[in-house]
Amino acid sequence: MAILNIVMVEPRIPQNAGNVARTCAVTGARLHLVGPMGFTIDDRKLKRAGLDYWSQLDITYYKDMESFFAQNAGPYFYFTSKGTHRHTDIPYPDGAYLLFGREDAGLPEPLLLQNPDTCVRIPMRSGERCLNLSNSIAVGVYEVLRQWNFADLESCGQLTNYEWK
């Protein structure tokens, strides 16, 4: 199975992290939480949003960006409203790390400036701030999985009380 890594840098809102945990659990993506975070892992709101899925996660915690980069080799793709490349125009290899910044500030601009070729933007209307963080992560995850032809994911569902003809 190909490996997809989702990195939340300094998340502030526990419900977003819970929603992202759920996305990672149902897709098999690995979750990396980089501190400092605006909540604790035992936060009631975080658990409510992702509790049923927490035990299914492959999750790693880091105290800061320096620790994260010291322990992971990439390749890295920086999702930002400031990016100049559309997220759909980039080929994502096995082992890709999709990085997303904090809800109120995004990723640090010096980091973006150092990596212009891998800064990607989800297209949106001019003048609008950005999508919700957990929605942005879902968009990014499913674009990568689409490129990988949804490998190892079930693509056909079943009705509960009936059968498809």
Protein backbone atom coordinates (compact mmCIF):
# COMPACT_ATOMS: atom_id res chain seq x y z
CA MET A 1 0.00 0.00 0.00
CA ALA A 2 1.26 3.46 -0.87
CA ILE A 3 1.88 5.77 2.07
CA LEU A 4 0.34 9.22 2.40
CA ASN A 5 1.36 11.49 5.28
CA ILE A 6 -0.82 14.34 6.54
CA VAL A 7 0.94 16.96 8.64
CA MET A 8 -0.95 19.46 10.78
CA VAL A 9 1.43 22.20 11.90
CA GLU A 10 0.39 23.86 15.17
CA PRO A 11 -3.34 23.15 14.88
CA ARG A 12 -5.51 25.36 17.09
CA ILE A 13 -9.02 23.91 16.86
CA PRO A 14 -9.58 20.44 18.33
CA GLN A 15 -12.63 19.73 16.16
CA ASN A 16 -10.51 20.21 13.03
CA ALA A 17 -7.93 17.72 14.31
CA GLY A 18 -10.72 15.27 15.14
CA ASN A 19 -12.18 15.58 11.64
CA VAL A 20 -8.74 15.12 10.09
CA ALA A 21 -8.17 12.05 12.28
CA ARG A 22 -11.37 10.58 10.87
CA THR A 23 -10.26 11.33 7.29
CA CYS A 24 -6.91 9.66 7.97
CA ALA A 25 -8.53 6.62 9.55
CA VAL A 26 -10.90 5.95 6.63
CA THR A 27 -8.22 6.49 3.99
CA GLY A 28 -5.22 4.89 5.70
CA ALA A 29 -3.21 8.13 5.67
CA ARG A 30 -0.70 8.68 8.46
CA LEU A 31 -1.27 11.68 10.71
CA HIS A 32 1.55 13.87 12.04
CA LEU A 33 0.70 16.52 14.66
CA VAL A 34 3.34 19.21 15.08
CA GLY A 35 3.27 21.40 18.17
CA PRO A 36 2.75 23.55 19.87
CA MET A 37 -0.95 22.78 19.55
CA GLY A 38 -3.85 24.86 20.81
CA PHE A 39 -5.37 21.90 22.67
CA THR A 40 -4.39 18.67 24.37
CA ILE A 41 -4.95 15.24 22.90
CA ASP A 42 -7.39 14.41 25.67
CA ASP A 43 -9.47 17.47 24.78
CA ARG A 44 -13.18 16.57 24.91
CA LYS A 45 -13.92 18.38 21.61
CA LEU A 46 -11.13 16.55 19.80
CA LYS A 47 -12.31 13.19 21.05
CA ARG A 48 -15.94 13.91 20.17
CA ALA A 49 -14.99 14.70 16.56
CA GLY A 50 -12.69 11.72 16.06
CA LEU A 51 -13.13 9.35 19.01
CA ASP A 52 -14.45 6.36 17.09
CA TYR A 53 -11.41 6.53 14.83
CA TRP A 54 -8.56 7.36 17.23
CA SER A 55 -7.54 3.73 17.77
CA GLN A 56 -7.32 3.19 13.98
CA LEU A 57 -4.77 5.97 13.44
CA ASP A 58 -1.11 5.78 12.64
CA ILE A 59 -0.24 9.01 14.45
CA THR A 60 3.02 10.68 15.45
CA TYR A 61 3.48 13.76 17.61
CA TYR A 62 6.33 16.31 17.40
CA LYS A 63 7.15 19.15 19.76
CA ASP A 64 7.94 21.55 16.87
CA MET A 65 8.77 21.89 13.17
CA GLU A 66 12.46 21.33 13.77
CA SER A 67 11.72 17.92 15.33
CA PHE A 68 9.38 17.02 12.49
CA PHE A 69 11.90 17.83 9.75
CA ALA A 70 14.70 16.05 11.65
CA GLN A 71 12.67 12.83 11.70
CA ASN A 72 11.15 12.84 8.20
CA ALA A 73 12.80 13.04 4.80
CA GLY A 74 9.90 14.10 2.59
CA PRO A 75 8.99 14.73 -0.17
CA TYR A 76 7.02 17.66 1.20
CA PHE A 77 4.10 19.55 -0.36
CA TYR A 78 2.99 22.76 1.33
CA PHE A 79 -0.71 23.54 1.07
CA THR A 80 -1.22 27.27 1.28
CA SER A 81 -3.56 29.96 -0.01
CA LYS A 82 -0.35 31.72 -1.10
CA GLY A 83 0.79 28.90 -3.42
CA THR A 84 1.29 29.47 -7.13
CA HIS A 85 0.64 25.88 -8.29
CA ARG A 86 -2.76 24.20 -8.30
CA HIS A 87 -2.91 21.17 -6.02
CA THR A 88 -4.22 19.09 -8.94
CA ASP A 89 -1.22 19.90 -11.17
CA ILE A 90 1.37 18.28 -8.92
CA PRO A 91 2.14 14.54 -9.10
CA TYR A 92 2.32 13.14 -5.56
CA PRO A 93 4.69 10.20 -5.07
CA ASP A 94 4.40 7.37 -2.59
CA GLY A 95 5.50 8.63 0.82
CA ALA A 96 4.41 12.23 0.16
CA TYR A 97 3.92 14.57 3.11
CA LEU A 98 1.10 17.12 2.75
CA LEU A 99 1.72 19.99 5.19
CA PHE A 100 -1.04 22.28 6.42
CA GLY A 101 -0.55 25.28 8.70
CA ARG A 102 -2.46 26.54 11.67
CA GLU A 103 -5.98 27.82 11.16
CA ASP A 104 -5.22 31.46 11.94
CA ALA A 105 -1.83 31.86 10.25
CA GLY A 106 -1.12 29.06 7.79
CA LEU A 107 2.43 27.82 7.25
CA PRO A 108 5.36 30.14 8.01
CA GLU A 109 6.17 32.32 5.00
CA PRO A 110 9.97 31.75 5.23
CA LEU A 111 9.27 28.01 4.81
CA LEU A 112 7.06 28.71 1.79
CA LEU A 113 9.64 31.05 0.25
CA GLN A 114 12.28 28.30 0.48
CA ASN A 115 10.02 25.80 -1.33
CA PRO A 116 8.23 27.57 -4.20
CA ASP A 117 7.99 24.52 -6.46
CA THR A 118 6.09 22.48 -3.87
CA CYS A 119 3.74 25.17 -2.55
CA VAL A 120 0.26 24.29 -3.76
CA ARG A 121 -3.05 26.09 -3.65
CA ILE A 122 -6.58 24.78 -3.75
CA PRO A 123 -8.27 27.13 -6.23
CA MET A 124 -10.87 29.48 -4.77
CA ARG A 125 -12.44 32.83 -5.46
CA SER A 126 -10.29 35.92 -5.36
CA GLY A 127 -10.45 37.87 -2.12
CA GLU A 128 -11.67 34.96 -0.01
CA ARG A 129 -9.47 33.89 2.88
CA CYS A 130 -9.43 30.08 2.62
CA LEU A 131 -11.30 26.85 3.19
CA ASN A 132 -11.70 25.34 6.64
CA LEU A 133 -8.54 23.41 7.56
CA SER A 134 -10.15 20.00 7.84
CA ASN A 135 -11.94 20.53 4.51
CA SER A 136 -8.67 21.55 2.85
CA ILE A 137 -6.97 18.43 4.15
CA ALA A 138 -9.79 16.24 2.84
CA VAL A 139 -9.49 17.89 -0.60
CA GLY A 140 -5.72 17.29 -0.60
CA VAL A 141 -5.99 13.69 0.59
CA TYR A 142 -8.57 12.75 -2.01
CA GLU A 143 -6.63 14.39 -4.84
CA VAL A 144 -3.60 12.27 -3.98
CA LEU A 145 -5.74 9.15 -3.68
CA ARG A 146 -7.41 9.93 -7.02
CA GLN A 147 -3.96 10.13 -8.64
CA TRP A 148 -3.14 6.77 -7.05
CA ASN A 149 -6.42 5.33 -8.43
CA PHE A 150 -7.77 4.97 -4.86
CA ALA A 151 -5.40 2.05 -4.27
CA ASP A 152 -6.46 -0.23 -1.40
CA LEU A 153 -9.74 1.65 -0.89
CA GLU A 154 -13.17 0.16 -1.36
CA SER A 155 -14.85 1.90 -4.29
CA CYS A 156 -18.24 0.22 -4.28
CA GLY A 157 -20.64 0.35 -1.35
CA GLN A 158 -23.52 -1.89 -0.37
CA LEU A 159 -27.05 -1.01 0.60
CA THR A 160 -28.00 -1.96 4.17
CA ASN A 161 -31.45 -3.46 3.55
CA TYR A 162 -31.37 -4.08 -0.20
CA GLU A 163 -29.09 -5.33 -2.95
CA TRP A 164 -27.94 -3.45 -6.04
CA LYS A 165 -29.24 -4.97 -9.30
